[in-house]
Amino acid sequence: MIYPAMIVLLALGFAACNSSETFPFSGDLKVGEPVKGTLAVDTPDTFCLELAANTHLYGFADQLTVDVVVTLLDSVGAPVGMVDGPARGPEYFTFEVKKAGSYFLEVKPFEKESGDYSMELVRVEAIATDAGKRADQLFIPYSGPDKPGAVVGVIQDGKVLFSRACGMADLTFSIPYKVFTPSNIGSLSKQFTAMAILLLEKDGKLSLEDDVRKHLPELPDLGQKVSLRNMLNHTNGFREVYNLMPMTGWKGEDVLLRGEVLEILKQQKELQADPGTEFNYNNSAFILLATIVERISGQSFPEFMEERVFAPLGIGVEEVRGLLAYTHGGADIAHRAFLFYFPGLKGGAVAMSNNALFDAAHVAYEMAALFFGEEMEQAEKAKESPGEEGEETQAAEEGAENALAEEGAENALAEEGAEKVEVP
């Protein structure tokens, strides 16, 4: 049965769903049996589902003639999750619930659209606790010979605890995605450029308070000092090159060389904000910082990173479930990447994909939670009841944050160089 609007469900007091004999689950939908529907403007369809605790739900709405938004609501109408991807074709969704109860799968037309769709549940099952099965579960939407793929790895103490790949690295030539497939990590590389600048500062070859024009004198004098610290912290006032280029007809997949970016910024007549006064996420600055690394070191950026960072490394601060964590995401065209690193555990997880719909943060977090869940629970309990151990943990976390802030790297993440990373 399809209810035409959420208000009807509320009026009915969230009546019990229809029953079926599958995995502890019942309701208006059955696994593998699509249901067709027609949406009027501003009028959603809602399917009632009775779900067990720790249920993984995967399916899709086929957007035949209407763009839809799919939302899972709990028994009081609060959203559990929402997906809004492509305007036509399959709108894949993955939802997970921790508590048993009545839930409502809402299919709503996007903005003022109307038209036909069909809804199908593909899998309803328990959230897996085995690492391999959990990865397979998270990778369902990206698996198969016709899907751009993904990879995830969990690392601790310099060792790979787990890795898994799925789907395809290249659809044209039918090349599968493997755990050692080089992947574009996008803005995850910003932290590496920041590290290169800080290494040069440690060497005494630059200062974070240096005017950028000291190292790139060809940049125009715009009447205000832009420091390297401003460049690292996205408070420099330079125009964002990836906003400028589309005005010239440049497309996102077109090659853009570092020297070309420098030539573009040489034409800037004024800063778009006073240095240090406005945060504006800025790729232009990190492209220039990579150039500074090359000029000071006398090496190419990849050579410097290999010699000073990757070879000796053996390789935003926030808390994740009570644990101090370094996290950052990257995106470039269809590529997606996300990193969780827990310095206290000397471990973390990274997920990467060439699928624009890939939820890298969710996959990386879920795999990290599977391997480090016990430590997360202990950290959460320590913060709820901070005794001596909790106070020491908090002091250590604050000390780490202060040290990072003093180095001027709290917002410093690198774009150029380190363009590819491999999961062993």
Protein backbone atom coordinates (compact mmCIF):
# COMPACT_ATOMS: atom_id res chain seq x y z
CA MET A 1 0.00 0.00 0.00
CA ILE A 2 1.29 3.50 -0.84
CA TYR A 3 0.26 6.42 1.33
CA PRO A 4 0.06 9.64 -0.72
CA ALA A 5 1.57 11.88 1.94
CA MET A 6 3.40 11.79 5.25
CA ILE A 7 0.57 13.69 6.93
CA VAL A 8 -1.74 10.75 6.28
CA LEU A 9 0.65 8.49 8.19
CA LEU A 10 0.73 10.88 11.11
CA ALA A 11 -3.05 11.10 11.13
CA LEU A 12 -3.31 7.31 11.18
CA GLY A 13 -0.99 7.20 14.17
CA PHE A 14 1.66 5.37 12.20
CA ALA A 15 -0.45 2.25 11.72
CA ALA A 16 1.31 -1.11 11.61
CA CYS A 17 2.81 -2.19 8.29
CA ASN A 18 1.85 -5.14 6.20
CA SER A 19 3.80 -8.30 7.04
CA SER A 20 6.08 -10.57 5.05
CA GLU A 21 8.36 -13.52 5.79
CA THR A 22 11.86 -12.23 5.01
CA PHE A 23 14.75 -11.15 7.24
CA PRO A 24 13.07 -9.59 10.37
CA PHE A 25 11.36 -7.07 8.15
CA SER A 26 7.86 -6.40 6.88
CA GLY A 27 5.95 -3.64 5.18
CA ASP A 28 4.64 -2.18 1.96
CA LEU A 29 7.64 -3.33 -0.07
CA LYS A 30 9.09 -6.79 -0.69
CA VAL A 31 12.68 -7.52 -1.69
CA GLY A 32 13.04 -7.92 -5.45
CA GLU A 33 9.49 -6.79 -6.25
CA PRO A 34 9.37 -3.27 -7.80
CA VAL A 35 6.35 -1.08 -7.13
CA LYS A 36 5.34 1.56 -9.65
CA GLY A 37 4.01 4.96 -8.71
CA THR A 38 3.11 8.41 -10.04
CA LEU A 39 4.02 11.57 -8.16
CA ALA A 40 2.05 14.80 -8.30
CA VAL A 41 3.77 18.14 -7.64
CA ASP A 42 4.74 18.53 -3.95
CA THR A 43 3.07 15.21 -3.07
CA PRO A 44 5.28 12.39 -1.80
CA ASP A 45 4.56 8.69 -1.65
CA THR A 46 5.45 6.92 1.57
CA PHE A 47 6.06 3.21 2.19
CA CYS A 48 5.76 1.78 5.68
CA LEU A 49 8.49 -0.62 6.88
CA GLU A 50 8.90 -2.57 10.13
CA LEU A 51 12.63 -3.04 10.64
CA ALA A 52 14.65 -4.99 13.19
CA ALA A 53 17.54 -3.47 15.11
CA ASN A 54 20.82 -3.10 13.17
CA THR A 55 19.24 -3.41 9.74
CA HIS A 56 20.99 -2.59 6.46
CA LEU A 57 18.60 -1.45 3.71
CA TYR A 58 19.59 -1.11 0.05
CA GLY A 59 17.49 -0.38 -3.02
CA PHE A 60 16.72 2.18 -5.69
CA ALA A 61 14.01 4.38 -7.11
CA ASP A 62 13.95 4.26 -10.90
CA GLN A 63 13.26 7.84 -11.98
CA LEU A 64 11.29 7.12 -15.13
CA THR A 65 9.92 10.59 -15.83
CA VAL A 66 10.49 12.43 -12.53
CA ASP A 67 13.49 13.40 -10.42
CA VAL A 68 12.98 12.13 -6.87
CA VAL A 69 14.42 12.58 -3.39
CA VAL A 70 14.39 9.46 -1.21
CA THR A 71 14.27 9.85 2.58
CA LEU A 72 14.00 7.29 5.39
CA LEU A 73 12.00 8.63 8.35
CA ASP A 74 11.64 7.14 11.82
CA SER A 75 8.37 6.58 13.67
CA VAL A 76 8.00 10.25 14.61
CA GLY A 77 8.90 11.56 11.16
CA ALA A 78 12.53 12.48 11.90
CA PRO A 79 14.88 11.82 8.95
CA VAL A 80 17.32 8.93 9.29
CA GLY A 81 18.95 9.55 5.92
CA MET A 82 18.32 11.16 2.54
CA VAL A 83 19.63 10.74 -1.01
CA ASP A 84 19.24 13.12 -3.93
CA GLY A 85 21.50 12.19 -6.85
CA PRO A 86 20.95 12.08 -10.62
CA ALA A 87 17.76 13.44 -12.15
CA ARG A 88 16.92 10.34 -14.20
CA GLY A 89 17.61 6.64 -13.99
CA PRO A 90 18.30 4.76 -10.73
CA GLU A 91 18.45 6.74 -7.49
CA TYR A 92 20.33 4.25 -5.32
CA PHE A 93 19.95 4.45 -1.56
CA THR A 94 21.56 2.76 1.43
CA PHE A 95 20.10 3.29 4.88
CA GLU A 96 20.96 1.69 8.22
CA VAL A 97 18.94 1.71 11.44
CA LYS A 98 20.21 0.86 14.91
CA LYS A 99 16.83 0.55 16.65
CA ALA A 100 13.90 -1.73 15.82
CA GLY A 101 10.62 -0.05 14.95
CA SER A 102 8.40 1.49 12.30
CA TYR A 103 10.11 3.46 9.53
CA PHE A 104 8.81 5.26 6.46
CA LEU A 105 10.50 5.36 3.07
CA GLU A 106 9.43 8.63 1.48
CA VAL A 107 9.71 9.30 -2.26
CA LYS A 108 9.26 13.00 -3.00
CA PRO A 109 9.35 14.81 -6.35
CA PHE A 110 12.26 17.24 -6.68
CA GLU A 111 11.05 20.87 -6.52
CA LYS A 112 8.01 21.26 -8.80
CA GLU A 113 8.39 18.08 -10.83
CA SER A 114 5.83 15.31 -11.34
CA GLY A 115 5.85 11.99 -13.14
CA ASP A 116 6.38 8.23 -12.93
CA TYR A 117 8.87 6.18 -10.93
CA SER A 118 9.28 2.69 -9.54
CA MET A 119 10.67 1.65 -6.13
CA GLU A 120 12.53 -1.58 -5.39
CA LEU A 121 14.24 -2.99 -2.32
CA VAL A 122 17.29 -5.03 -3.32
CA ARG A 123 18.58 -6.13 0.08
CA VAL A 124 17.32 -6.00 3.66
CA GLU A 125 19.75 -7.68 6.05
CA ALA A 126 21.62 -7.40 9.33
CA ILE A 127 24.52 -4.94 9.48
CA ALA A 128 27.55 -7.18 9.05
CA THR A 129 30.19 -7.44 11.79
CA ASP A 130 32.78 -9.39 9.79
CA ALA A 131 35.24 -7.03 8.06
CA GLY A 132 35.00 -8.65 4.62
CA LYS A 133 31.21 -8.92 4.71
CA ARG A 134 30.90 -5.35 6.01
CA ALA A 135 33.05 -4.01 3.20
CA ASP A 136 31.02 -5.97 0.66
CA GLN A 137 27.86 -4.53 2.18
CA LEU A 138 29.11 -0.95 1.98
CA PHE A 139 30.33 -1.54 -1.57
CA ILE A 140 27.04 -2.91 -2.96
CA PRO A 141 26.21 0.28 -4.95
CA TYR A 142 29.70 0.36 -6.50
CA SER A 143 30.15 -3.32 -7.38
CA GLY A 144 29.81 -5.04 -10.73
CA PRO A 145 31.27 -4.82 -14.25
CA ASP A 146 29.20 -1.75 -15.11
CA LYS A 147 29.94 0.41 -12.03
CA PRO A 148 32.80 2.83 -11.31
CA GLY A 149 34.47 1.20 -8.33
CA ALA A 150 36.09 1.96 -4.99
CA VAL A 151 38.72 0.82 -2.51
CA VAL A 152 39.04 0.94 1.27
CA GLY A 153 41.99 0.21 3.54
CA VAL A 154 42.45 0.08 7.31
CA ILE A 155 45.96 0.73 8.62
CA GLN A 156 47.59 0.53 12.05
CA ASP A 157 51.23 0.74 13.15
CA GLY A 158 52.36 0.96 9.54
CA LYS A 159 50.61 -2.26 8.57
CA VAL A 160 47.54 -2.82 6.39
CA LEU A 161 44.99 -4.61 8.56
CA PHE A 162 42.41 -4.88 5.81
CA SER A 163 41.86 -3.78 2.20
CA ARG A 164 39.11 -4.42 -0.30
CA ALA A 165 38.30 -3.11 -3.79
CA CYS A 166 35.22 -3.42 -5.96
CA GLY A 167 33.81 -2.34 -9.30
CA MET A 168 35.75 -0.99 -12.25
CA ALA A 169 38.70 1.36 -12.58
CA ASP A 170 37.99 1.88 -16.29
CA LEU A 171 34.62 1.11 -17.88
CA THR A 172 35.83 1.68 -21.44
CA PHE A 173 38.54 -0.98 -21.26
CA SER A 174 36.88 -3.17 -18.60
CA ILE A 175 39.73 -2.75 -16.10
CA PRO A 176 38.70 -3.79 -12.57
CA TYR A 177 39.43 -1.62 -9.54
CA LYS A 178 42.08 -3.32 -7.40
CA VAL A 179 43.57 -2.48 -4.03
CA PHE A 180 46.77 -1.25 -5.71
CA THR A 181 45.01 0.84 -8.38
CA PRO A 182 46.43 4.43 -8.27
CA SER A 183 43.63 6.78 -7.18
CA ASN A 184 43.15 10.53 -7.41
CA ILE A 185 42.90 11.78 -3.82
CA GLY A 186 42.01 15.39 -4.70
CA SER A 187 42.29 17.80 -1.78
CA LEU A 188 43.60 15.12 0.58
CA SER A 189 46.96 16.18 -0.87
CA LYS A 190 46.70 19.66 0.69
CA GLN A 191 48.02 18.36 4.01
CA PHE A 192 51.15 17.11 2.20
CA THR A 193 51.88 20.51 0.66
CA ALA A 194 51.41 22.09 4.10
CA MET A 195 53.88 19.58 5.52
CA ALA A 196 56.40 20.48 2.80
CA ILE A 197 56.14 24.19 3.71
CA LEU A 198 56.55 23.42 7.42
CA LEU A 199 59.62 21.29 6.69
CA LEU A 200 61.19 24.20 4.81
CA GLU A 201 60.35 26.47 7.74
CA LYS A 202 62.06 23.99 10.07
CA ASP A 203 65.09 24.08 7.75
CA GLY A 204 65.19 27.88 8.20
CA LYS A 205 64.59 28.47 4.48
CA LEU A 206 61.34 30.37 4.90
CA SER A 207 59.00 31.78 7.52
CA LEU A 208 55.23 31.46 7.64
CA GLU A 209 55.18 35.25 8.04
CA ASP A 210 57.03 35.77 4.73
CA ASP A 211 55.24 37.77 2.06
CA VAL A 212 54.39 35.37 -0.76
CA ARG A 213 56.04 37.84 -3.15
CA LYS A 214 59.39 37.19 -1.47
CA HIS A 215 59.30 33.76 -3.09
CA LEU A 216 57.13 34.59 -6.12
CA PRO A 217 58.21 38.14 -7.02
CA GLU A 218 56.36 38.05 -10.34
CA LEU A 219 53.03 38.27 -8.49
CA PRO A 220 51.71 41.85 -8.57
CA ASP A 221 51.96 44.13 -5.55
CA LEU A 222 48.30 44.56 -4.59
CA GLY A 223 49.01 46.90 -1.69
CA GLN A 224 48.79 44.35 1.13
CA LYS A 225 51.07 41.64 2.43
CA VAL A 226 49.82 38.09 1.85
CA SER A 227 51.78 35.79 4.16
CA LEU A 228 52.48 32.11 3.67
CA ARG A 229 50.36 31.56 6.78
CA ASN A 230 47.46 33.24 4.97
CA MET A 231 48.06 30.89 2.05
CA LEU A 232 47.96 27.83 4.30
CA ASN A 233 44.88 28.98 6.19
CA HIS A 234 42.77 29.93 3.15
CA THR A 235 42.67 33.60 4.22
CA ASN A 236 44.84 35.03 1.42
CA GLY A 237 42.39 36.94 -0.77
CA PHE A 238 43.52 35.37 -4.06
CA ARG A 239 40.87 34.45 -6.60
CA GLU A 240 39.91 30.78 -6.75
CA VAL A 241 41.32 29.51 -10.04
CA TYR A 242 38.69 26.81 -10.42
CA ASN A 243 36.02 29.51 -10.34
CA LEU A 244 37.89 31.64 -12.89
CA MET A 245 38.70 28.95 -15.46
CA PRO A 246 35.14 27.92 -16.41
CA MET A 247 34.57 31.50 -17.57
CA THR A 248 37.13 30.85 -20.32
CA GLY A 249 35.48 27.64 -21.54
CA TRP A 250 37.85 25.42 -19.57
CA LYS A 251 36.30 22.11 -18.49
CA GLY A 252 37.00 20.31 -15.23
CA GLU A 253 38.79 17.41 -16.92
CA ASP A 254 41.06 19.70 -18.97
CA VAL A 255 44.74 19.84 -18.00
CA LEU A 256 45.70 22.93 -15.97
CA LEU A 257 49.41 23.36 -15.34
CA ARG A 258 50.88 25.08 -12.29
CA GLY A 259 52.64 27.65 -14.46
CA GLU A 260 49.34 28.55 -16.11
CA VAL A 261 47.78 29.20 -12.71
CA LEU A 262 50.64 31.53 -11.82
CA GLU A 263 50.14 33.44 -15.10
CA ILE A 264 46.41 33.78 -14.37
CA LEU A 265 47.00 35.13 -10.85
CA LYS A 266 49.56 37.61 -12.17
CA GLN A 267 46.61 39.31 -13.90
CA GLN A 268 44.66 39.82 -10.67
CA LYS A 269 44.13 43.56 -10.10
CA GLU A 270 43.04 43.44 -6.47
CA LEU A 271 42.51 40.97 -3.65
CA GLN A 272 38.94 39.78 -3.14
CA ALA A 273 39.35 40.23 0.66
CA ASP A 274 41.93 41.69 3.05
CA PRO A 275 44.45 39.00 4.05
CA GLY A 276 43.55 37.28 7.31
CA THR A 277 39.98 38.60 7.41
CA GLU A 278 37.97 36.09 5.42
CA PHE A 279 38.14 32.28 5.05
CA ASN A 280 37.72 31.24 1.43
CA TYR A 281 38.71 27.67 0.53
CA ASN A 282 41.40 28.30 -2.02
CA ASN A 283 43.14 25.94 -4.43
CA SER A 284 45.06 28.82 -6.05
CA ALA A 285 47.12 29.32 -2.89
CA PHE A 286 48.17 25.69 -2.63
CA ILE A 287 49.18 25.57 -6.27
CA LEU A 288 51.43 28.57 -5.57
CA LEU A 289 52.77 26.93 -2.39
CA ALA A 290 53.84 23.88 -4.41
CA THR A 291 55.71 26.22 -6.74
CA ILE A 292 57.46 27.82 -3.75
CA VAL A 293 58.53 24.37 -2.52
CA GLU A 294 60.12 23.70 -5.92
CA ARG A 295 61.95 27.04 -6.07
CA ILE A 296 63.39 26.84 -2.56
CA SER A 297 64.32 23.16 -2.66
CA GLY A 298 65.59 23.09 -6.24
CA GLN A 299 63.64 19.85 -6.72
CA SER A 300 60.40 18.99 -8.43
CA PHE A 301 57.50 18.76 -6.01
CA PRO A 302 57.22 14.94 -6.35
CA GLU A 303 60.98 14.58 -5.79
CA PHE A 304 60.86 16.73 -2.65
CA MET A 305 57.89 14.81 -1.24
CA GLU A 306 59.51 11.45 -1.93
CA GLU A 307 62.81 12.45 -0.30
CA ARG A 308 61.54 14.44 2.68
CA VAL A 309 58.14 12.90 3.43
CA PHE A 310 57.23 9.56 1.88
CA ALA A 311 60.60 7.80 2.08
CA PRO A 312 61.25 8.56 5.78
CA LEU A 313 57.60 8.37 6.79
CA GLY A 314 57.50 4.62 7.04
CA ILE A 315 53.26 8.21 6.80
CA GLY A 316 41.67 19.72 10.36
CA VAL A 317 41.79 18.18 13.77
CA GLU A 318 38.58 16.96 15.39
CA GLU A 319 37.19 14.28 17.67
CA VAL A 320 35.49 11.14 16.40
CA ARG A 321 33.64 9.33 19.17
CA GLY A 322 35.98 10.72 21.79
CA LEU A 323 39.21 10.04 19.89
CA LEU A 324 41.44 12.79 18.50
CA ALA A 325 41.32 12.36 14.73
CA TYR A 326 42.77 13.94 11.62
CA THR A 327 40.15 13.88 8.88
CA HIS A 328 39.86 15.32 5.42
CA GLY A 329 38.04 14.59 2.18
CA GLY A 330 39.01 15.14 -1.43
CA ALA A 331 37.11 15.36 -4.71
CA ASP A 332 38.16 15.91 -8.30
CA ILE A 333 35.61 15.49 -11.11
CA ALA A 334 34.18 12.02 -10.34
CA HIS A 335 36.92 10.99 -7.88
CA ARG A 336 36.18 10.86 -4.16
CA ALA A 337 38.47 10.21 -1.17
CA PHE A 338 38.31 10.46 2.61
CA LEU A 339 40.82 9.83 5.40
CA PHE A 340 40.36 9.13 9.11
CA TYR A 341 43.60 8.98 11.10
CA PHE A 342 43.68 8.47 14.87
CA PRO A 343 47.16 9.50 16.14
CA GLY A 344 46.54 7.93 19.54
CA LEU A 345 45.97 4.56 17.89
CA LYS A 346 48.56 5.05 15.15
CA GLY A 347 45.86 3.85 12.81
CA GLY A 348 42.99 4.87 10.58
CA ALA A 349 41.07 4.17 7.41
CA VAL A 350 40.99 5.63 3.91
CA ALA A 351 38.37 5.13 1.21
CA MET A 352 38.71 6.18 -2.44
CA SER A 353 36.63 5.87 -5.59
CA ASN A 354 36.17 7.03 -9.17
CA ASN A 355 32.40 7.07 -8.62
CA ALA A 356 30.95 10.55 -8.03
CA LEU A 357 28.17 9.07 -5.87
CA PHE A 358 30.61 7.28 -3.55
CA ASP A 359 30.15 8.22 0.12
CA ALA A 360 33.84 8.03 1.03
CA ALA A 361 33.44 9.48 4.52
CA HIS A 362 30.75 6.95 5.46
CA VAL A 363 32.69 3.95 4.16
CA ALA A 364 35.97 5.05 5.81
CA TYR A 365 34.24 5.73 9.13
CA GLU A 366 32.30 2.46 9.20
CA MET A 367 35.44 0.41 8.52
CA ALA A 368 37.39 2.39 11.14
CA ALA A 369 34.58 1.80 13.65
CA LEU A 370 34.65 -1.92 12.91
CA PHE A 371 38.36 -2.19 13.70
CA PHE A 372 38.68 0.50 16.41
CA GLY A 373 35.17 0.40 17.89
CA GLU A 374 36.34 -0.81 21.30
CA GLU A 375 38.78 2.09 21.64
CA MET A 376 36.05 4.52 20.53
CA GLU A 377 33.67 3.20 23.19
CA GLN A 378 36.34 3.52 25.89
CA ALA A 379 37.11 7.10 24.81
CA GLU A 380 33.40 7.99 24.85
CA LYS A 381 32.99 6.58 28.37
CA ALA A 382 36.12 8.42 29.55
CA LYS A 383 34.73 11.76 28.32
CA GLU A 384 31.32 11.08 29.92
CA SER A 385 32.97 10.30 33.29
CA PRO A 386 36.31 12.15 33.21
CA GLY A 387 38.44 10.88 36.08
CA GLU A 388 42.20 11.21 36.06
CA GLU A 389 42.45 9.17 32.88
CA GLY A 390 39.80 11.29 31.17
CA GLU A 391 41.51 14.51 32.26
CA GLU A 392 44.84 13.25 30.94
CA THR A 393 43.22 12.32 27.64
CA GLN A 394 41.61 15.75 27.33
CA ALA A 395 44.89 17.50 28.20
CA ALA A 396 46.75 15.43 25.61
CA GLU A 397 44.15 16.25 22.97
CA GLU A 398 44.27 19.96 23.78
CA GLY A 399 48.07 19.86 23.66
CA ALA A 400 48.02 18.23 20.24
CA GLU A 401 45.56 20.83 18.95
CA ASN A 402 47.64 23.71 20.32
CA ALA A 403 50.83 22.31 18.83
CA LEU A 404 49.20 22.02 15.44
CA ALA A 405 47.80 25.54 15.69
CA GLU A 406 51.24 26.92 16.56
CA GLU A 407 52.64 25.32 13.44
CA GLY A 408 49.98 27.14 11.43
CA ALA A 409 48.68 23.91 9.97
CA GLU A 410 45.22 23.60 11.44
CA ASN A 411 43.64 24.58 8.15
CA ALA A 412 46.61 23.71 5.97
CA LEU A 413 45.90 20.89 3.60
CA ALA A 414 47.72 20.45 0.15
CA GLU A 415 46.41 20.29 -3.44
CA GLU A 416 49.41 20.00 -5.72
CA GLY A 417 51.78 17.04 -5.75
CA ALA A 418 51.04 13.72 -4.03
CA GLU A 419 48.38 13.38 -6.69
CA LYS A 420 48.15 9.60 -6.45
CA VAL A 421 48.21 7.20 -3.54
CA GLU A 422 48.13 3.44 -3.46
CA VAL A 423 46.59 1.17 -0.85
CA PRO A 424 48.92 -1.86 -0.57
